[in-house]
Amino acid sequence: MNKKNPVIALITASLLGGCATTPAEGSMPVIGRAVLADAAGKGIGTAEIVDQGSSVLLRVSVAGQTPGDHGIHLHMTGKCEAPGFTTAGGHLNPGAHQHGSLNPAGPHIGDLPNVVVLSDGSGTLDTPLAGSVAVLSPTIFDGDGTAVVLHAAADDYKTDPSGNSGGRIACGVLVRNAR
């Protein structure tokens, strides 16, 4: 303890103790990132894969979109050619499950919760992905890559193959960050 000013010593110890046990906001490493663009090539948002140690988080942020729920999925090919983004292929589904958390034969890794877009056109989604970085990296960052695709309508979480979520309105290819 600081004999000249014990209050400063106590505050410093408290702050350092807090830093040792609580990670700072934004300190979790981003292992991959995609810039989502619409059919005109305009950037409308981002998707990041964040390493949380024993788990992985997908963090999505969009702007300028129609208010309401929008399906969003991981797609099996890291290729986003407009206008329909069909080059992204189907959902990322290495286990050959059906689509959706409400489907008894689903879900698969490409299934994600809907992004809720607010009246100002912005929306965010933070959702865990099943598995650790070591488990997911070989699947997501494989030879042909992975795309993140935003859809025009809400995913119903049960209709195979895409949750009846409408057309593909934006797409981005996940790129691994240098480690």
C-alpha atoms as a PDB file:
ATOM      1  CA  MET A   1       0.000   0.000   0.000  1.00  0.00           C
ATOM      2  CA  ASN A   2       1.204   3.516  -0.828  1.00  0.00           C
ATOM      3  CA  LYS A   3       2.165   5.070   2.527  1.00  0.00           C
ATOM      4  CA  LYS A   4       1.965   8.629   1.140  1.00  0.00           C
ATOM      5  CA  ASN A   5      -1.596   8.270  -0.141  1.00  0.00           C
ATOM      6  CA  PRO A   6      -3.438   5.101   0.887  1.00  0.00           C
ATOM      7  CA  VAL A   7      -6.595   6.152  -0.998  1.00  0.00           C
ATOM      8  CA  ILE A   8      -4.720   6.229  -4.332  1.00  0.00           C
ATOM      9  CA  ALA A   9      -3.151   2.865  -3.540  1.00  0.00           C
ATOM     10  CA  LEU A  10      -6.561   1.354  -2.758  1.00  0.00           C
ATOM     11  CA  ILE A  11      -8.148   2.754  -5.948  1.00  0.00           C
ATOM     12  CA  THR A  12      -5.196   1.559  -8.046  1.00  0.00           C
ATOM     13  CA  ALA A  13      -5.403  -1.929  -6.551  1.00  0.00           C
ATOM     14  CA  SER A  14      -9.148  -2.059  -7.212  1.00  0.00           C
ATOM     15  CA  LEU A  15      -8.735  -0.963 -10.808  1.00  0.00           C
ATOM     16  CA  LEU A  16      -5.913  -3.398 -11.486  1.00  0.00           C
ATOM     17  CA  GLY A  17      -7.877  -6.220  -9.877  1.00  0.00           C
ATOM     18  CA  GLY A  18     -10.829  -5.440 -12.127  1.00  0.00           C
ATOM     19  CA  CYS A  19      -8.608  -5.453 -15.203  1.00  0.00           C
ATOM     20  CA  ALA A  20      -7.196  -8.825 -14.293  1.00  0.00           C
ATOM     21  CA  THR A  21     -10.596 -10.499 -14.109  1.00  0.00           C
ATOM     22  CA  THR A  22     -12.753  -8.666 -16.648  1.00  0.00           C
ATOM     23  CA  PRO A  23     -11.777  -8.391 -20.318  1.00  0.00           C
ATOM     24  CA  ALA A  24     -12.008  -4.878 -21.716  1.00  0.00           C
ATOM     25  CA  GLU A  25     -14.837  -4.166 -24.163  1.00  0.00           C
ATOM     26  CA  GLY A  26     -13.693  -5.096 -27.656  1.00  0.00           C
ATOM     27  CA  SER A  27     -10.672  -7.047 -26.379  1.00  0.00           C
ATOM     28  CA  MET A  28     -11.874 -10.389 -27.745  1.00  0.00           C
ATOM     29  CA  PRO A  29      -9.943 -11.213 -30.909  1.00  0.00           C
ATOM     30  CA  VAL A  30     -11.790 -10.967 -34.203  1.00  0.00           C
ATOM     31  CA  ILE A  31     -10.688 -13.992 -36.213  1.00  0.00           C
ATOM     32  CA  GLY A  32     -12.630 -13.263 -39.386  1.00  0.00           C
ATOM     33  CA  ARG A  33     -14.607 -10.476 -40.983  1.00  0.00           C
ATOM     34  CA  ALA A  34     -16.950  -9.900 -43.932  1.00  0.00           C
ATOM     35  CA  VAL A  35     -18.191  -6.678 -45.450  1.00  0.00           C
ATOM     36  CA  LEU A  36     -21.810  -7.151 -46.499  1.00  0.00           C
ATOM     37  CA  ALA A  37     -22.763  -5.458 -49.778  1.00  0.00           C
ATOM     38  CA  ASP A  38     -26.066  -5.208 -51.622  1.00  0.00           C
ATOM     39  CA  ALA A  39     -26.627  -6.071 -55.299  1.00  0.00           C
ATOM     40  CA  ALA A  40     -25.417  -2.592 -56.330  1.00  0.00           C
ATOM     41  CA  GLY A  41     -22.143  -3.176 -54.473  1.00  0.00           C
ATOM     42  CA  LYS A  42     -22.960  -0.714 -51.679  1.00  0.00           C
ATOM     43  CA  GLY A  43     -21.665  -1.703 -48.241  1.00  0.00           C
ATOM     44  CA  ILE A  44     -24.583  -2.223 -45.873  1.00  0.00           C
ATOM     45  CA  GLY A  45     -22.866  -3.818 -42.895  1.00  0.00           C
ATOM     46  CA  THR A  46     -20.320  -6.168 -41.434  1.00  0.00           C
ATOM     47  CA  ALA A  47     -20.091  -9.622 -39.906  1.00  0.00           C
ATOM     48  CA  GLU A  48     -17.309 -10.634 -37.536  1.00  0.00           C
ATOM     49  CA  ILE A  49     -16.343 -13.925 -35.979  1.00  0.00           C
ATOM     50  CA  VAL A  50     -15.076 -13.302 -32.457  1.00  0.00           C
ATOM     51  CA  ASP A  51     -12.991 -15.778 -30.451  1.00  0.00           C
ATOM     52  CA  GLN A  52     -14.358 -16.046 -26.913  1.00  0.00           C
ATOM     53  CA  GLY A  53     -11.955 -18.756 -25.810  1.00  0.00           C
ATOM     54  CA  SER A  54     -14.066 -21.902 -25.558  1.00  0.00           C
ATOM     55  CA  SER A  55     -16.742 -20.509 -27.885  1.00  0.00           C
ATOM     56  CA  VAL A  56     -17.206 -18.342 -30.966  1.00  0.00           C
ATOM     57  CA  LEU A  57     -19.537 -15.396 -31.487  1.00  0.00           C
ATOM     58  CA  LEU A  58     -20.880 -14.098 -34.788  1.00  0.00           C
ATOM     59  CA  ARG A  59     -21.477 -10.338 -34.562  1.00  0.00           C
ATOM     60  CA  VAL A  60     -23.487  -8.724 -37.389  1.00  0.00           C
ATOM     61  CA  SER A  61     -24.345  -5.075 -37.942  1.00  0.00           C
ATOM     62  CA  VAL A  62     -26.429  -3.743 -40.854  1.00  0.00           C
ATOM     63  CA  ALA A  63     -27.765  -0.334 -41.899  1.00  0.00           C
ATOM     64  CA  GLY A  64     -30.146   1.055 -44.509  1.00  0.00           C
ATOM     65  CA  GLN A  65     -32.385  -2.030 -44.523  1.00  0.00           C
ATOM     66  CA  THR A  66     -36.151  -2.478 -44.519  1.00  0.00           C
ATOM     67  CA  PRO A  67     -37.447  -2.652 -40.935  1.00  0.00           C
ATOM     68  CA  GLY A  68     -38.469  -6.090 -39.682  1.00  0.00           C
ATOM     69  CA  ASP A  69     -36.897  -9.517 -39.291  1.00  0.00           C
ATOM     70  CA  HIS A  70     -34.394 -10.708 -41.901  1.00  0.00           C
ATOM     71  CA  GLY A  71     -32.972 -14.190 -42.252  1.00  0.00           C
ATOM     72  CA  ILE A  72     -29.193 -14.376 -42.240  1.00  0.00           C
ATOM     73  CA  HIS A  73     -27.143 -17.497 -42.872  1.00  0.00           C
ATOM     74  CA  LEU A  74     -23.632 -18.798 -43.362  1.00  0.00           C
ATOM     75  CA  HIS A  75     -23.362 -20.122 -46.922  1.00  0.00           C
ATOM     76  CA  MET A  76     -21.006 -22.821 -48.130  1.00  0.00           C
ATOM     77  CA  THR A  77     -19.037 -20.875 -50.745  1.00  0.00           C
ATOM     78  CA  GLY A  78     -17.166 -17.631 -50.220  1.00  0.00           C
ATOM     79  CA  LYS A  79     -18.342 -16.032 -53.450  1.00  0.00           C
ATOM     80  CA  CYS A  80     -20.809 -13.132 -53.684  1.00  0.00           C
ATOM     81  CA  GLU A  81     -21.753 -12.309 -57.268  1.00  0.00           C
ATOM     82  CA  ALA A  82     -24.672  -9.916 -57.687  1.00  0.00           C
ATOM     83  CA  PRO A  83     -27.473  -9.600 -58.300  1.00  0.00           C
ATOM     84  CA  GLY A  84     -28.777 -12.813 -56.699  1.00  0.00           C
ATOM     85  CA  PHE A  85     -25.672 -13.988 -54.791  1.00  0.00           C
ATOM     86  CA  THR A  86     -26.431 -17.567 -55.850  1.00  0.00           C
ATOM     87  CA  THR A  87     -22.683 -18.175 -56.183  1.00  0.00           C
ATOM     88  CA  ALA A  88     -22.602 -18.405 -52.362  1.00  0.00           C
ATOM     89  CA  GLY A  89     -24.306 -21.785 -52.749  1.00  0.00           C
ATOM     90  CA  GLY A  90     -26.537 -23.323 -50.112  1.00  0.00           C
ATOM     91  CA  HIS A  91     -26.221 -23.043 -46.372  1.00  0.00           C
ATOM     92  CA  LEU A  92     -23.039 -24.176 -44.653  1.00  0.00           C
ATOM     93  CA  ASN A  93     -24.142 -27.659 -43.637  1.00  0.00           C
ATOM     94  CA  PRO A  94     -21.276 -30.139 -43.263  1.00  0.00           C
ATOM     95  CA  GLY A  95     -23.428 -32.466 -41.131  1.00  0.00           C
ATOM     96  CA  ALA A  96     -26.166 -32.723 -43.812  1.00  0.00           C
ATOM     97  CA  HIS A  97     -28.963 -31.656 -41.440  1.00  0.00           C
ATOM     98  CA  GLN A  98     -32.182 -29.996 -42.536  1.00  0.00           C
ATOM     99  CA  HIS A  99     -32.823 -26.305 -41.966  1.00  0.00           C
ATOM    100  CA  GLY A 100     -33.910 -24.645 -38.779  1.00  0.00           C
ATOM    101  CA  SER A 101     -33.942 -24.829 -35.022  1.00  0.00           C
ATOM    102  CA  LEU A 102     -37.676 -25.733 -35.132  1.00  0.00           C
ATOM    103  CA  ASN A 103     -37.114 -28.544 -37.632  1.00  0.00           C
ATOM    104  CA  PRO A 104     -36.704 -31.963 -35.931  1.00  0.00           C
ATOM    105  CA  ALA A 105     -34.012 -32.858 -38.513  1.00  0.00           C
ATOM    106  CA  GLY A 106     -32.138 -29.558 -38.046  1.00  0.00           C
ATOM    107  CA  PRO A 107     -30.420 -27.268 -37.394  1.00  0.00           C
ATOM    108  CA  HIS A 108     -27.131 -26.960 -39.234  1.00  0.00           C
ATOM    109  CA  ILE A 109     -24.144 -24.640 -38.745  1.00  0.00           C
ATOM    110  CA  GLY A 110     -25.400 -22.131 -41.336  1.00  0.00           C
ATOM    111  CA  ASP A 111     -28.651 -21.539 -39.424  1.00  0.00           C
ATOM    112  CA  LEU A 112     -28.680 -18.291 -37.485  1.00  0.00           C
ATOM    113  CA  PRO A 113     -31.314 -16.227 -35.679  1.00  0.00           C
ATOM    114  CA  ASN A 114     -33.009 -13.435 -37.622  1.00  0.00           C
ATOM    115  CA  VAL A 115     -31.521  -9.954 -37.665  1.00  0.00           C
ATOM    116  CA  VAL A 116     -34.098  -7.521 -36.308  1.00  0.00           C
ATOM    117  CA  VAL A 117     -33.937  -4.272 -38.285  1.00  0.00           C
ATOM    118  CA  LEU A 118     -35.333  -1.248 -36.469  1.00  0.00           C
ATOM    119  CA  SER A 119     -37.367   1.627 -37.917  1.00  0.00           C
ATOM    120  CA  ASP A 120     -34.143   3.567 -38.603  1.00  0.00           C
ATOM    121  CA  GLY A 121     -32.924   0.739 -40.893  1.00  0.00           C
ATOM    122  CA  SER A 122     -30.230  -0.526 -38.499  1.00  0.00           C
ATOM    123  CA  GLY A 123     -29.949  -3.971 -37.022  1.00  0.00           C
ATOM    124  CA  THR A 124     -27.510  -6.051 -35.018  1.00  0.00           C
ATOM    125  CA  LEU A 125     -27.114  -9.682 -34.112  1.00  0.00           C
ATOM    126  CA  ASP A 126     -24.722 -11.299 -31.653  1.00  0.00           C
ATOM    127  CA  THR A 127     -25.106 -15.067 -31.699  1.00  0.00           C
ATOM    128  CA  PRO A 128     -22.910 -17.955 -30.596  1.00  0.00           C
ATOM    129  CA  LEU A 129     -21.748 -20.482 -33.146  1.00  0.00           C
ATOM    130  CA  ALA A 130     -21.553 -24.127 -32.097  1.00  0.00           C
ATOM    131  CA  GLY A 131     -17.936 -25.030 -31.434  1.00  0.00           C
ATOM    132  CA  SER A 132     -14.581 -23.463 -30.688  1.00  0.00           C
ATOM    133  CA  VAL A 133     -12.227 -21.675 -33.079  1.00  0.00           C
ATOM    134  CA  ALA A 134     -10.280 -24.919 -33.513  1.00  0.00           C
ATOM    135  CA  VAL A 135     -13.470 -26.766 -34.512  1.00  0.00           C
ATOM    136  CA  LEU A 136     -15.027 -24.057 -36.715  1.00  0.00           C
ATOM    137  CA  SER A 137     -11.989 -22.595 -38.511  1.00  0.00           C
ATOM    138  CA  PRO A 138     -11.396 -25.557 -40.852  1.00  0.00           C
ATOM    139  CA  THR A 139     -15.061 -25.429 -41.921  1.00  0.00           C
ATOM    140  CA  ILE A 140     -15.494 -21.663 -42.236  1.00  0.00           C
ATOM    141  CA  PHE A 141     -12.068 -20.873 -43.662  1.00  0.00           C
ATOM    142  CA  ASP A 142     -11.785 -23.881 -45.970  1.00  0.00           C
ATOM    143  CA  GLY A 143     -10.505 -23.769 -49.545  1.00  0.00           C
ATOM    144  CA  ASP A 144     -13.633 -22.227 -51.067  1.00  0.00           C
ATOM    145  CA  GLY A 145     -14.483 -19.968 -48.113  1.00  0.00           C
ATOM    146  CA  THR A 146     -17.788 -19.055 -46.505  1.00  0.00           C
ATOM    147  CA  ALA A 147     -20.249 -16.255 -47.237  1.00  0.00           C
ATOM    148  CA  VAL A 148     -22.651 -14.449 -44.926  1.00  0.00           C
ATOM    149  CA  VAL A 149     -25.951 -13.777 -46.711  1.00  0.00           C
ATOM    150  CA  LEU A 150     -28.750 -11.443 -45.606  1.00  0.00           C
ATOM    151  CA  HIS A 151     -32.249 -12.295 -46.845  1.00  0.00           C
ATOM    152  CA  ALA A 152     -35.283 -10.115 -47.621  1.00  0.00           C
ATOM    153  CA  ALA A 153     -37.711 -11.817 -45.209  1.00  0.00           C
ATOM    154  CA  ALA A 154     -37.737 -13.504 -41.824  1.00  0.00           C
ATOM    155  CA  ASP A 155     -36.487 -17.064 -41.433  1.00  0.00           C
ATOM    156  CA  ASP A 156     -39.271 -19.323 -40.132  1.00  0.00           C
ATOM    157  CA  TYR A 157     -36.640 -21.665 -38.567  1.00  0.00           C
ATOM    158  CA  LYS A 158     -38.191 -24.811 -40.060  1.00  0.00           C
ATOM    159  CA  THR A 159     -38.697 -24.787 -43.846  1.00  0.00           C
ATOM    160  CA  ASP A 160     -35.945 -26.653 -45.670  1.00  0.00           C
ATOM    161  CA  PRO A 161     -33.665 -25.525 -47.260  1.00  0.00           C
ATOM    162  CA  SER A 162     -33.657 -21.789 -46.391  1.00  0.00           C
ATOM    163  CA  GLY A 163     -36.362 -21.040 -43.844  1.00  0.00           C
ATOM    164  CA  ASN A 164     -38.622 -19.406 -46.426  1.00  0.00           C
ATOM    165  CA  SER A 165     -36.557 -16.258 -45.909  1.00  0.00           C
ATOM    166  CA  GLY A 166     -36.916 -14.756 -49.356  1.00  0.00           C
ATOM    167  CA  GLY A 167     -34.345 -13.440 -51.788  1.00  0.00           C
ATOM    168  CA  ARG A 168     -30.695 -12.807 -51.037  1.00  0.00           C
ATOM    169  CA  ILE A 169     -30.285  -9.034 -50.624  1.00  0.00           C
ATOM    170  CA  ALA A 170     -26.705  -8.719 -49.363  1.00  0.00           C
ATOM    171  CA  CYS A 171     -23.614 -10.890 -49.180  1.00  0.00           C
ATOM    172  CA  GLY A 172     -20.086 -10.815 -47.794  1.00  0.00           C
ATOM    173  CA  VAL A 173     -17.176 -13.262 -47.838  1.00  0.00           C
ATOM    174  CA  LEU A 174     -15.605 -14.121 -44.483  1.00  0.00           C
ATOM    175  CA  VAL A 175     -11.861 -13.438 -44.537  1.00  0.00           C
ATOM    176  CA  ARG A 176      -9.570 -14.753 -41.815  1.00  0.00           C
ATOM    177  CA  ASN A 177      -7.634 -12.093 -39.940  1.00  0.00           C
ATOM    178  CA  ALA A 178      -3.872 -12.506 -39.758  1.00  0.00           C
ATOM    179  CA  ARG A 179      -2.966 -13.938 -36.369  1.00  0.00           C
END
